[in-house]
Amino acid sequence: MEEIEVKILEVNGKEIKKMLTSLNAVKIYDGEISTQFLDYADGSISKFRDVLRLRNMENKTELTYKKVKATQTAKTAEEFSVEVSDLDAMLYILKNIGLSVTEQMQKHRVSYKLGSVRFDIDRYLGDYSFVPEFLEIEGDLTAIHKYAGMLGFKPKDCLPWSTDELVNYYFNKKQT
């Protein structure tokens, strides 16, 4: 499946939720997400900006591989996900074929759906809590920009950033 998404930084989550509700968006998730990113020792997954992650959301665990294709106006990737019945067993299998956990993150996410467009309001917890609340919009590029505009954002606010780029931006910002 092709994924097209942008990130909008430093949003007011309460205001975004009100606006999405007024647009008749449907809340589809509100909870904690725990993510483990995996790679080989030589970094052969991340050197292409691809992502392998094991994610737990309440009672659901998914293994996802994202093959990044483009990042000019939006992050575009082929995304392949499978639901996993046992997180620990999956992690054991992955480690035994040479992968290791390179990063772990926790966040609180509130997700809405409006037609074929998804809105995720994310707030990192723990080690990454220095990253301010942000919005991800996923859909086709025309719809992304349309709804971003309806929420008060311009195309220049819609960044094609990966999670690493987002974290590095704020890490570097707090160092200065």
N, C-alpha and C. Protein backbone atom coordinates (compact mmCIF):
# COMPACT_ATOMS: atom_id res chain seq x y z
N MET A 1 0.84 -1.18 0.00
CA MET A 1 0.00 0.00 0.00
C MET A 1 0.89 1.24 0.00
N GLU A 2 0.50 2.23 -0.76
CA GLU A 2 1.27 3.47 -0.78
C GLU A 2 0.78 4.41 0.32
N GLU A 3 1.74 4.95 1.05
CA GLU A 3 1.45 5.90 2.12
C GLU A 3 2.02 7.25 1.72
N ILE A 4 1.18 8.28 1.81
CA ILE A 4 1.61 9.66 1.56
C ILE A 4 1.23 10.45 2.80
N GLU A 5 2.23 11.09 3.43
CA GLU A 5 1.94 11.81 4.66
C GLU A 5 2.85 13.02 4.83
N VAL A 6 2.36 13.95 5.65
CA VAL A 6 3.14 15.12 6.05
C VAL A 6 3.02 15.29 7.56
N LYS A 7 3.97 16.03 8.11
CA LYS A 7 3.93 16.40 9.52
C LYS A 7 3.80 17.92 9.61
N ILE A 8 2.98 18.36 10.56
CA ILE A 8 2.83 19.78 10.85
C ILE A 8 3.23 19.96 12.31
N LEU A 9 4.21 20.82 12.53
CA LEU A 9 4.84 20.95 13.84
C LEU A 9 4.09 21.88 14.79
N GLU A 10 4.27 21.59 16.07
CA GLU A 10 3.85 22.47 17.17
C GLU A 10 2.40 22.92 17.05
N VAL A 11 1.52 21.94 16.98
CA VAL A 11 0.09 22.24 16.86
C VAL A 11 -0.55 22.30 18.24
N ASN A 12 -1.72 22.88 18.29
CA ASN A 12 -2.55 22.87 19.48
C ASN A 12 -3.55 21.73 19.31
N GLY A 13 -3.27 20.63 19.95
CA GLY A 13 -4.09 19.43 19.77
C GLY A 13 -5.56 19.64 20.09
N LYS A 14 -5.86 20.39 21.15
CA LYS A 14 -7.26 20.64 21.53
C LYS A 14 -7.99 21.36 20.40
N GLU A 15 -7.34 22.37 19.82
CA GLU A 15 -7.97 23.13 18.72
C GLU A 15 -8.15 22.25 17.48
N ILE A 16 -7.13 21.45 17.16
CA ILE A 16 -7.23 20.56 16.00
C ILE A 16 -8.39 19.58 16.18
N LYS A 17 -8.52 19.02 17.38
CA LYS A 17 -9.62 18.07 17.66
C LYS A 17 -10.97 18.75 17.48
N LYS A 18 -11.11 19.98 17.97
CA LYS A 18 -12.38 20.72 17.81
C LYS A 18 -12.69 20.93 16.33
N MET A 19 -11.67 21.36 15.57
CA MET A 19 -11.88 21.61 14.14
C MET A 19 -12.22 20.33 13.40
N LEU A 20 -11.53 19.25 13.71
CA LEU A 20 -11.81 17.97 13.04
C LEU A 20 -13.23 17.49 13.36
N THR A 21 -13.64 17.66 14.61
CA THR A 21 -15.00 17.28 15.01
C THR A 21 -16.03 18.12 14.25
N SER A 22 -15.74 19.42 14.08
CA SER A 22 -16.68 20.28 13.35
C SER A 22 -16.75 19.93 11.87
N LEU A 23 -15.71 19.27 11.35
CA LEU A 23 -15.72 18.80 9.96
C LEU A 23 -16.35 17.41 9.83
N ASN A 24 -16.87 16.90 10.95
CA ASN A 24 -17.47 15.56 11.01
C ASN A 24 -16.46 14.43 10.85
N ALA A 25 -15.21 14.69 11.23
CA ALA A 25 -14.23 13.61 11.25
C ALA A 25 -14.59 12.66 12.39
N VAL A 26 -14.27 11.39 12.22
CA VAL A 26 -14.59 10.37 13.21
C VAL A 26 -13.32 9.99 13.97
N LYS A 27 -13.40 10.05 15.30
CA LYS A 27 -12.27 9.63 16.12
C LYS A 27 -12.16 8.11 16.03
N ILE A 28 -10.95 7.62 15.65
CA ILE A 28 -10.77 6.18 15.49
C ILE A 28 -9.77 5.59 16.49
N TYR A 29 -9.04 6.45 17.20
CA TYR A 29 -8.09 5.93 18.18
C TYR A 29 -7.73 7.03 19.17
N ASP A 30 -7.54 6.63 20.42
CA ASP A 30 -7.07 7.55 21.46
C ASP A 30 -6.36 6.69 22.49
N GLY A 31 -5.03 6.66 22.43
CA GLY A 31 -4.31 5.83 23.38
C GLY A 31 -2.81 5.88 23.19
N GLU A 32 -2.14 5.03 23.95
CA GLU A 32 -0.68 4.96 23.93
C GLU A 32 -0.20 4.01 22.84
N ILE A 33 0.96 4.34 22.28
CA ILE A 33 1.60 3.50 21.27
C ILE A 33 3.06 3.32 21.68
N SER A 34 3.49 2.07 21.67
CA SER A 34 4.89 1.75 21.95
C SER A 34 5.50 1.19 20.67
N THR A 35 6.63 1.76 20.24
CA THR A 35 7.25 1.38 18.97
C THR A 35 8.71 1.02 19.19
N GLN A 36 9.12 -0.06 18.53
CA GLN A 36 10.52 -0.46 18.49
C GLN A 36 10.95 -0.47 17.03
N PHE A 37 12.01 0.26 16.72
CA PHE A 37 12.57 0.28 15.38
C PHE A 37 13.71 -0.72 15.33
N LEU A 38 13.81 -1.45 14.22
CA LEU A 38 14.83 -2.49 14.10
C LEU A 38 15.66 -2.30 12.84
N ASP A 39 16.91 -2.77 12.91
CA ASP A 39 17.81 -2.71 11.77
C ASP A 39 18.91 -3.75 11.97
N TYR A 40 19.64 -4.00 10.90
CA TYR A 40 20.83 -4.85 10.98
C TYR A 40 22.00 -4.02 11.50
N ALA A 41 23.05 -4.69 11.96
CA ALA A 41 24.22 -4.00 12.52
C ALA A 41 24.84 -3.03 11.52
N ASP A 42 24.76 -3.34 10.23
CA ASP A 42 25.35 -2.47 9.21
C ASP A 42 24.42 -1.32 8.79
N GLY A 43 23.24 -1.23 9.41
CA GLY A 43 22.30 -0.15 9.08
C GLY A 43 21.69 -0.26 7.70
N SER A 44 21.65 -1.47 7.16
CA SER A 44 21.20 -1.63 5.77
C SER A 44 19.74 -1.26 5.53
N ILE A 45 18.94 -1.18 6.56
CA ILE A 45 17.56 -0.73 6.38
C ILE A 45 17.51 0.81 6.41
N SER A 46 18.08 1.40 7.45
CA SER A 46 17.98 2.85 7.63
C SER A 46 18.83 3.64 6.65
N LYS A 47 19.88 3.04 6.09
CA LYS A 47 20.70 3.82 5.16
C LYS A 47 19.93 4.22 3.90
N PHE A 48 18.84 3.53 3.62
CA PHE A 48 17.97 3.90 2.49
C PHE A 48 16.75 4.69 2.98
N ARG A 49 16.77 5.07 4.27
CA ARG A 49 15.68 5.78 4.93
C ARG A 49 14.43 4.93 5.06
N ASP A 50 14.59 3.62 4.88
CA ASP A 50 13.48 2.70 5.07
C ASP A 50 13.30 2.45 6.57
N VAL A 51 12.18 1.85 6.94
CA VAL A 51 11.84 1.66 8.34
C VAL A 51 11.28 0.26 8.55
N LEU A 52 11.76 -0.40 9.60
CA LEU A 52 11.16 -1.65 10.08
C LEU A 52 10.79 -1.39 11.52
N ARG A 53 9.49 -1.52 11.84
CA ARG A 53 9.07 -1.22 13.20
C ARG A 53 8.11 -2.29 13.71
N LEU A 54 8.17 -2.49 15.01
CA LEU A 54 7.25 -3.35 15.72
C LEU A 54 6.49 -2.44 16.67
N ARG A 55 5.18 -2.37 16.49
CA ARG A 55 4.37 -1.37 17.21
C ARG A 55 3.25 -2.04 17.98
N ASN A 56 3.08 -1.61 19.22
CA ASN A 56 1.99 -2.11 20.05
C ASN A 56 1.04 -0.97 20.38
N MET A 57 -0.23 -1.15 20.04
CA MET A 57 -1.29 -0.19 20.32
C MET A 57 -2.38 -0.93 21.08
N GLU A 58 -2.48 -0.69 22.39
CA GLU A 58 -3.45 -1.38 23.24
C GLU A 58 -3.32 -2.89 23.04
N ASN A 59 -4.31 -3.54 22.46
CA ASN A 59 -4.27 -5.00 22.29
C ASN A 59 -3.88 -5.43 20.89
N LYS A 60 -3.27 -4.56 20.13
CA LYS A 60 -2.91 -4.87 18.74
C LYS A 60 -1.43 -4.63 18.52
N THR A 61 -0.77 -5.59 17.89
CA THR A 61 0.65 -5.46 17.57
C THR A 61 0.83 -5.64 16.08
N GLU A 62 1.62 -4.74 15.46
CA GLU A 62 1.89 -4.80 14.02
C GLU A 62 3.38 -4.74 13.75
N LEU A 63 3.79 -5.48 12.75
CA LEU A 63 5.13 -5.37 12.19
C LEU A 63 4.96 -4.66 10.85
N THR A 64 5.70 -3.56 10.66
CA THR A 64 5.55 -2.74 9.45
C THR A 64 6.91 -2.48 8.83
N TYR A 65 6.94 -2.61 7.50
CA TYR A 65 8.12 -2.22 6.73
C TYR A 65 7.70 -1.09 5.80
N LYS A 66 8.44 0.02 5.85
CA LYS A 66 8.18 1.15 4.96
C LYS A 66 9.38 1.34 4.06
N LYS A 67 9.15 1.28 2.76
CA LYS A 67 10.18 1.54 1.76
C LYS A 67 9.94 2.94 1.21
N VAL A 68 10.76 3.90 1.65
CA VAL A 68 10.57 5.30 1.28
C VAL A 68 10.88 5.50 -0.20
N LYS A 69 9.96 6.17 -0.90
CA LYS A 69 10.13 6.40 -2.34
C LYS A 69 10.47 7.84 -2.67
N ALA A 70 9.89 8.79 -1.93
CA ALA A 70 10.12 10.21 -2.25
C ALA A 70 9.85 11.05 -1.02
N THR A 71 10.48 12.23 -0.98
CA THR A 71 10.26 13.13 0.15
C THR A 71 10.31 14.60 -0.27
N GLN A 72 9.83 14.93 -1.47
CA GLN A 72 9.86 16.35 -1.87
C GLN A 72 8.77 17.15 -1.18
N THR A 73 7.51 16.88 -1.47
CA THR A 73 6.42 17.64 -0.86
C THR A 73 5.68 16.83 0.21
N ALA A 74 5.88 15.53 0.21
CA ALA A 74 5.30 14.65 1.22
C ALA A 74 6.18 13.41 1.30
N LYS A 75 6.13 12.76 2.45
CA LYS A 75 6.86 11.49 2.56
C LYS A 75 5.99 10.43 1.90
N THR A 76 6.53 9.80 0.87
CA THR A 76 5.82 8.76 0.15
C THR A 76 6.57 7.45 0.34
N ALA A 77 5.83 6.42 0.72
CA ALA A 77 6.47 5.13 0.97
C ALA A 77 5.52 4.00 0.62
N GLU A 78 6.11 2.88 0.22
CA GLU A 78 5.34 1.65 0.14
C GLU A 78 5.33 1.11 1.56
N GLU A 79 4.14 0.79 2.05
CA GLU A 79 4.02 0.34 3.44
C GLU A 79 3.38 -1.04 3.46
N PHE A 80 4.03 -1.94 4.17
CA PHE A 80 3.54 -3.31 4.31
C PHE A 80 3.43 -3.62 5.79
N SER A 81 2.23 -3.96 6.27
CA SER A 81 2.01 -4.26 7.68
C SER A 81 1.32 -5.61 7.83
N VAL A 82 1.71 -6.30 8.90
CA VAL A 82 1.03 -7.54 9.27
C VAL A 82 0.74 -7.48 10.77
N GLU A 83 -0.41 -7.97 11.15
CA GLU A 83 -0.73 -8.04 12.56
C GLU A 83 0.00 -9.24 13.16
N VAL A 84 0.53 -9.05 14.34
CA VAL A 84 1.33 -10.06 15.03
C VAL A 84 0.59 -10.45 16.30
N SER A 85 0.46 -11.75 16.55
CA SER A 85 -0.28 -12.19 17.73
C SER A 85 0.54 -12.16 19.01
N ASP A 86 1.87 -12.17 18.90
CA ASP A 86 2.73 -12.23 20.08
C ASP A 86 3.95 -11.34 19.87
N LEU A 87 3.96 -10.17 20.51
CA LEU A 87 5.04 -9.21 20.34
C LEU A 87 6.39 -9.82 20.74
N ASP A 88 6.45 -10.47 21.88
CA ASP A 88 7.72 -11.03 22.36
C ASP A 88 8.26 -12.11 21.43
N ALA A 89 7.38 -12.96 20.93
CA ALA A 89 7.82 -14.01 19.99
C ALA A 89 8.32 -13.39 18.68
N MET A 90 7.63 -12.34 18.20
CA MET A 90 8.06 -11.69 16.96
C MET A 90 9.41 -11.03 17.15
N LEU A 91 9.61 -10.38 18.28
CA LEU A 91 10.88 -9.73 18.58
C LEU A 91 12.00 -10.78 18.67
N TYR A 92 11.70 -11.91 19.26
CA TYR A 92 12.68 -13.00 19.36
C TYR A 92 13.09 -13.49 17.96
N ILE A 93 12.11 -13.68 17.09
CA ILE A 93 12.39 -14.13 15.72
C ILE A 93 13.27 -13.10 15.00
N LEU A 94 12.89 -11.83 15.09
CA LEU A 94 13.64 -10.78 14.41
C LEU A 94 15.07 -10.68 14.91
N LYS A 95 15.26 -10.79 16.21
CA LYS A 95 16.62 -10.75 16.77
C LYS A 95 17.44 -11.95 16.32
N ASN A 96 16.79 -13.09 16.17
CA ASN A 96 17.51 -14.30 15.77
C ASN A 96 17.84 -14.36 14.29
N ILE A 97 17.31 -13.46 13.51
CA ILE A 97 17.72 -13.38 12.10
C ILE A 97 18.65 -12.18 11.88
N GLY A 98 19.18 -11.66 12.98
CA GLY A 98 20.22 -10.65 12.88
C GLY A 98 19.80 -9.21 13.07
N LEU A 99 18.54 -8.96 13.37
CA LEU A 99 18.08 -7.59 13.60
C LEU A 99 18.22 -7.25 15.08
N SER A 100 18.36 -5.97 15.36
CA SER A 100 18.36 -5.52 16.75
C SER A 100 17.54 -4.23 16.85
N VAL A 101 17.05 -3.96 18.04
CA VAL A 101 16.28 -2.76 18.30
C VAL A 101 17.24 -1.58 18.32
N THR A 102 17.00 -0.60 17.46
CA THR A 102 17.86 0.58 17.38
C THR A 102 17.29 1.77 18.13
N GLU A 103 15.97 1.74 18.35
CA GLU A 103 15.32 2.87 19.01
C GLU A 103 13.97 2.40 19.54
N GLN A 104 13.57 2.94 20.69
CA GLN A 104 12.24 2.66 21.25
C GLN A 104 11.58 3.99 21.57
N MET A 105 10.30 4.08 21.27
CA MET A 105 9.57 5.32 21.50
C MET A 105 8.17 5.01 22.02
N GLN A 106 7.69 5.90 22.88
CA GLN A 106 6.31 5.83 23.33
C GLN A 106 5.66 7.17 23.01
N LYS A 107 4.38 7.09 22.65
CA LYS A 107 3.66 8.33 22.39
C LYS A 107 2.18 8.14 22.67
N HIS A 108 1.52 9.26 22.85
CA HIS A 108 0.06 9.28 22.93
C HIS A 108 -0.44 9.78 21.58
N ARG A 109 -1.39 9.05 21.03
CA ARG A 109 -1.94 9.41 19.71
C ARG A 109 -3.45 9.49 19.79
N VAL A 110 -3.97 10.54 19.14
CA VAL A 110 -5.41 10.65 18.90
C VAL A 110 -5.56 10.71 17.38
N SER A 111 -6.36 9.78 16.84
CA SER A 111 -6.51 9.68 15.38
C SER A 111 -7.95 9.92 14.97
N TYR A 112 -8.07 10.61 13.83
CA TYR A 112 -9.37 10.87 13.23
C TYR A 112 -9.32 10.45 11.77
N LYS A 113 -10.48 10.15 11.23
CA LYS A 113 -10.60 9.79 9.82
C LYS A 113 -11.70 10.66 9.22
N LEU A 114 -11.42 11.19 8.03
CA LEU A 114 -12.41 11.99 7.30
C LEU A 114 -12.30 11.54 5.85
N GLY A 115 -13.27 10.76 5.40
CA GLY A 115 -13.16 10.15 4.07
C GLY A 115 -11.96 9.23 4.05
N SER A 116 -11.07 9.44 3.08
CA SER A 116 -9.88 8.60 2.97
C SER A 116 -8.65 9.25 3.62
N VAL A 117 -8.86 10.34 4.36
CA VAL A 117 -7.75 11.06 4.98
C VAL A 117 -7.69 10.75 6.47
N ARG A 118 -6.48 10.52 6.95
CA ARG A 118 -6.26 10.21 8.36
C ARG A 118 -5.47 11.34 9.01
N PHE A 119 -5.86 11.70 10.22
CA PHE A 119 -5.21 12.74 11.01
C PHE A 119 -4.74 12.13 12.31
N ASP A 120 -3.46 12.23 12.61
CA ASP A 120 -2.90 11.72 13.86
C ASP A 120 -2.29 12.87 14.63
N ILE A 121 -2.77 13.10 15.83
CA ILE A 121 -2.20 14.11 16.73
C ILE A 121 -1.33 13.35 17.72
N ASP A 122 -0.03 13.58 17.64
CA ASP A 122 0.93 12.80 18.42
C ASP A 122 1.66 13.65 19.44
N ARG A 123 1.91 13.03 20.60
CA ARG A 123 2.72 13.64 21.66
C ARG A 123 3.62 12.55 22.22
N TYR A 124 4.95 12.72 21.99
CA TYR A 124 5.91 11.73 22.48
C TYR A 124 6.02 11.81 24.00
N LEU A 125 6.31 10.67 24.58
CA LEU A 125 6.47 10.53 26.03
C LEU A 125 7.90 10.11 26.33
N GLY A 126 8.29 10.20 27.58
CA GLY A 126 9.59 9.68 28.00
C GLY A 126 10.76 10.41 27.37
N ASP A 127 11.72 9.66 26.84
CA ASP A 127 12.97 10.21 26.31
C ASP A 127 12.76 11.23 25.19
N TYR A 128 11.63 11.16 24.50
CA TYR A 128 11.39 12.06 23.36
C TYR A 128 10.33 13.12 23.66
N SER A 129 10.04 13.33 24.93
CA SER A 129 9.01 14.30 25.30
C SER A 129 9.41 15.75 24.97
N PHE A 130 10.68 15.96 24.57
CA PHE A 130 11.10 17.31 24.16
C PHE A 130 10.53 17.70 22.79
N VAL A 131 9.97 16.73 22.07
CA VAL A 131 9.33 17.02 20.77
C VAL A 131 7.92 17.52 21.05
N PRO A 132 7.59 18.75 20.63
CA PRO A 132 6.23 19.27 20.86
C PRO A 132 5.18 18.47 20.08
N GLU A 133 3.95 18.60 20.52
CA GLU A 133 2.82 17.95 19.87
C GLU A 133 2.80 18.32 18.39
N PHE A 134 2.51 17.33 17.55
CA PHE A 134 2.48 17.57 16.10
C PHE A 134 1.34 16.79 15.47
N LEU A 135 1.05 17.14 14.23
CA LEU A 135 -0.03 16.54 13.47
C LEU A 135 0.54 15.86 12.24
N GLU A 136 0.09 14.63 12.00
CA GLU A 136 0.38 13.95 10.74
C GLU A 136 -0.92 13.87 9.96
N ILE A 137 -0.84 14.18 8.68
CA ILE A 137 -2.00 14.02 7.80
C ILE A 137 -1.58 13.05 6.70
N GLU A 138 -2.40 12.02 6.52
CA GLU A 138 -2.11 10.98 5.52
C GLU A 138 -3.28 10.87 4.56
N GLY A 139 -2.96 10.86 3.27
CA GLY A 139 -3.97 10.75 2.22
C GLY A 139 -3.31 11.05 0.90
N ASP A 140 -4.09 11.44 -0.10
CA ASP A 140 -3.45 11.90 -1.33
C ASP A 140 -3.06 13.36 -1.14
N LEU A 141 -2.06 13.82 -1.90
CA LEU A 141 -1.47 15.13 -1.67
C LEU A 141 -2.49 16.27 -1.78
N THR A 142 -3.41 16.17 -2.73
CA THR A 142 -4.43 17.20 -2.89
C THR A 142 -5.29 17.30 -1.64
N ALA A 143 -5.74 16.15 -1.12
CA ALA A 143 -6.57 16.14 0.08
C ALA A 143 -5.78 16.60 1.30
N ILE A 144 -4.52 16.22 1.39
CA ILE A 144 -3.67 16.65 2.51
C ILE A 144 -3.63 18.17 2.56
N HIS A 145 -3.34 18.80 1.43
CA HIS A 145 -3.25 20.26 1.40
C HIS A 145 -4.61 20.93 1.61
N LYS A 146 -5.65 20.33 1.09
CA LYS A 146 -7.01 20.86 1.28
C LYS A 146 -7.35 20.91 2.77
N TYR A 147 -7.18 19.77 3.45
CA TYR A 147 -7.55 19.72 4.87
C TYR A 147 -6.57 20.49 5.74
N ALA A 148 -5.31 20.51 5.38
CA ALA A 148 -4.34 21.33 6.13
C ALA A 148 -4.80 22.79 6.08
N GLY A 149 -5.22 23.25 4.89
CA GLY A 149 -5.73 24.61 4.74
C GLY A 149 -6.97 24.86 5.57
N MET A 150 -7.87 23.88 5.61
CA MET A 150 -9.09 24.03 6.41
C MET A 150 -8.76 24.10 7.90
N LEU A 151 -7.63 23.52 8.30
CA LEU A 151 -7.20 23.54 9.70
C LEU A 151 -6.32 24.75 10.00
N GLY A 152 -6.10 25.61 8.97
CA GLY A 152 -5.35 26.85 9.19
C GLY A 152 -3.87 26.78 8.84
N PHE A 153 -3.46 25.74 8.11
CA PHE A 153 -2.05 25.59 7.76
C PHE A 153 -1.85 25.80 6.26
N LYS A 154 -0.64 26.23 5.91
CA LYS A 154 -0.26 26.46 4.51
C LYS A 154 0.56 25.26 4.02
N PRO A 155 0.68 25.09 2.70
CA PRO A 155 1.51 23.99 2.17
C PRO A 155 2.93 23.99 2.73
N LYS A 156 3.50 25.18 3.01
CA LYS A 156 4.87 25.24 3.55
C LYS A 156 4.95 24.66 4.97
N ASP A 157 3.80 24.57 5.67
CA ASP A 157 3.77 23.98 7.01
C ASP A 157 3.79 22.45 6.96
N CYS A 158 3.50 21.90 5.79
CA CYS A 158 3.38 20.45 5.61
C CYS A 158 4.75 19.87 5.25
N LEU A 159 5.39 19.29 6.23
CA LEU A 159 6.76 18.80 6.05
C LEU A 159 6.81 17.32 5.71
N PRO A 160 7.68 16.94 4.78
CA PRO A 160 7.79 15.53 4.35
C PRO A 160 8.76 14.74 5.24
N TRP A 161 8.77 15.00 6.52
CA TRP A 161 9.78 14.47 7.42
C TRP A 161 9.47 13.07 7.93
N SER A 162 10.53 12.32 8.13
CA SER A 162 10.45 11.04 8.81
C SER A 162 10.47 11.29 10.32
N THR A 163 10.25 10.25 11.09
CA THR A 163 10.35 10.36 12.54
C THR A 163 11.75 10.80 12.95
N ASP A 164 12.78 10.23 12.32
CA ASP A 164 14.17 10.62 12.64
C ASP A 164 14.40 12.10 12.38
N GLU A 165 13.92 12.60 11.25
CA GLU A 165 14.12 14.02 10.93
C GLU A 165 13.41 14.91 11.95
N LEU A 166 12.22 14.50 12.36
CA LEU A 166 11.48 15.26 13.36
C LEU A 166 12.25 15.31 14.68
N VAL A 167 12.67 14.15 15.16
CA VAL A 167 13.39 14.07 16.43
C VAL A 167 14.71 14.83 16.35
N ASN A 168 15.46 14.65 15.27
CA ASN A 168 16.75 15.35 15.12
C ASN A 168 16.57 16.86 15.09
N TYR A 169 15.51 17.34 14.45
CA TYR A 169 15.24 18.78 14.40
C TYR A 169 15.12 19.35 15.81
N TYR A 170 14.30 18.69 16.64
CA TYR A 170 14.09 19.21 17.99
C TYR A 170 15.27 18.92 18.91
N PHE A 171 15.97 17.84 18.69
CA PHE A 171 17.18 17.55 19.47
C PHE A 171 18.22 18.65 19.23
N ASN A 172 18.44 18.98 17.95
CA ASN A 172 19.40 20.03 17.61
C ASN A 172 18.93 21.39 18.13
N LYS A 173 17.64 21.64 18.08
CA LYS A 173 17.10 22.91 18.54
C LYS A 173 17.32 23.09 20.05
N LYS A 174 17.18 22.01 20.81
CA LYS A 174 17.36 22.15 22.26
C LYS A 174 18.83 22.24 22.64
N GLN A 175 19.73 21.87 21.74
CA GLN A 175 21.17 21.95 22.00
C GLN A 175 21.70 23.38 21.85
N THR A 176 20.94 24.22 21.14
CA THR A 176 21.42 25.60 20.89
C THR A 176 20.86 26.58 21.89
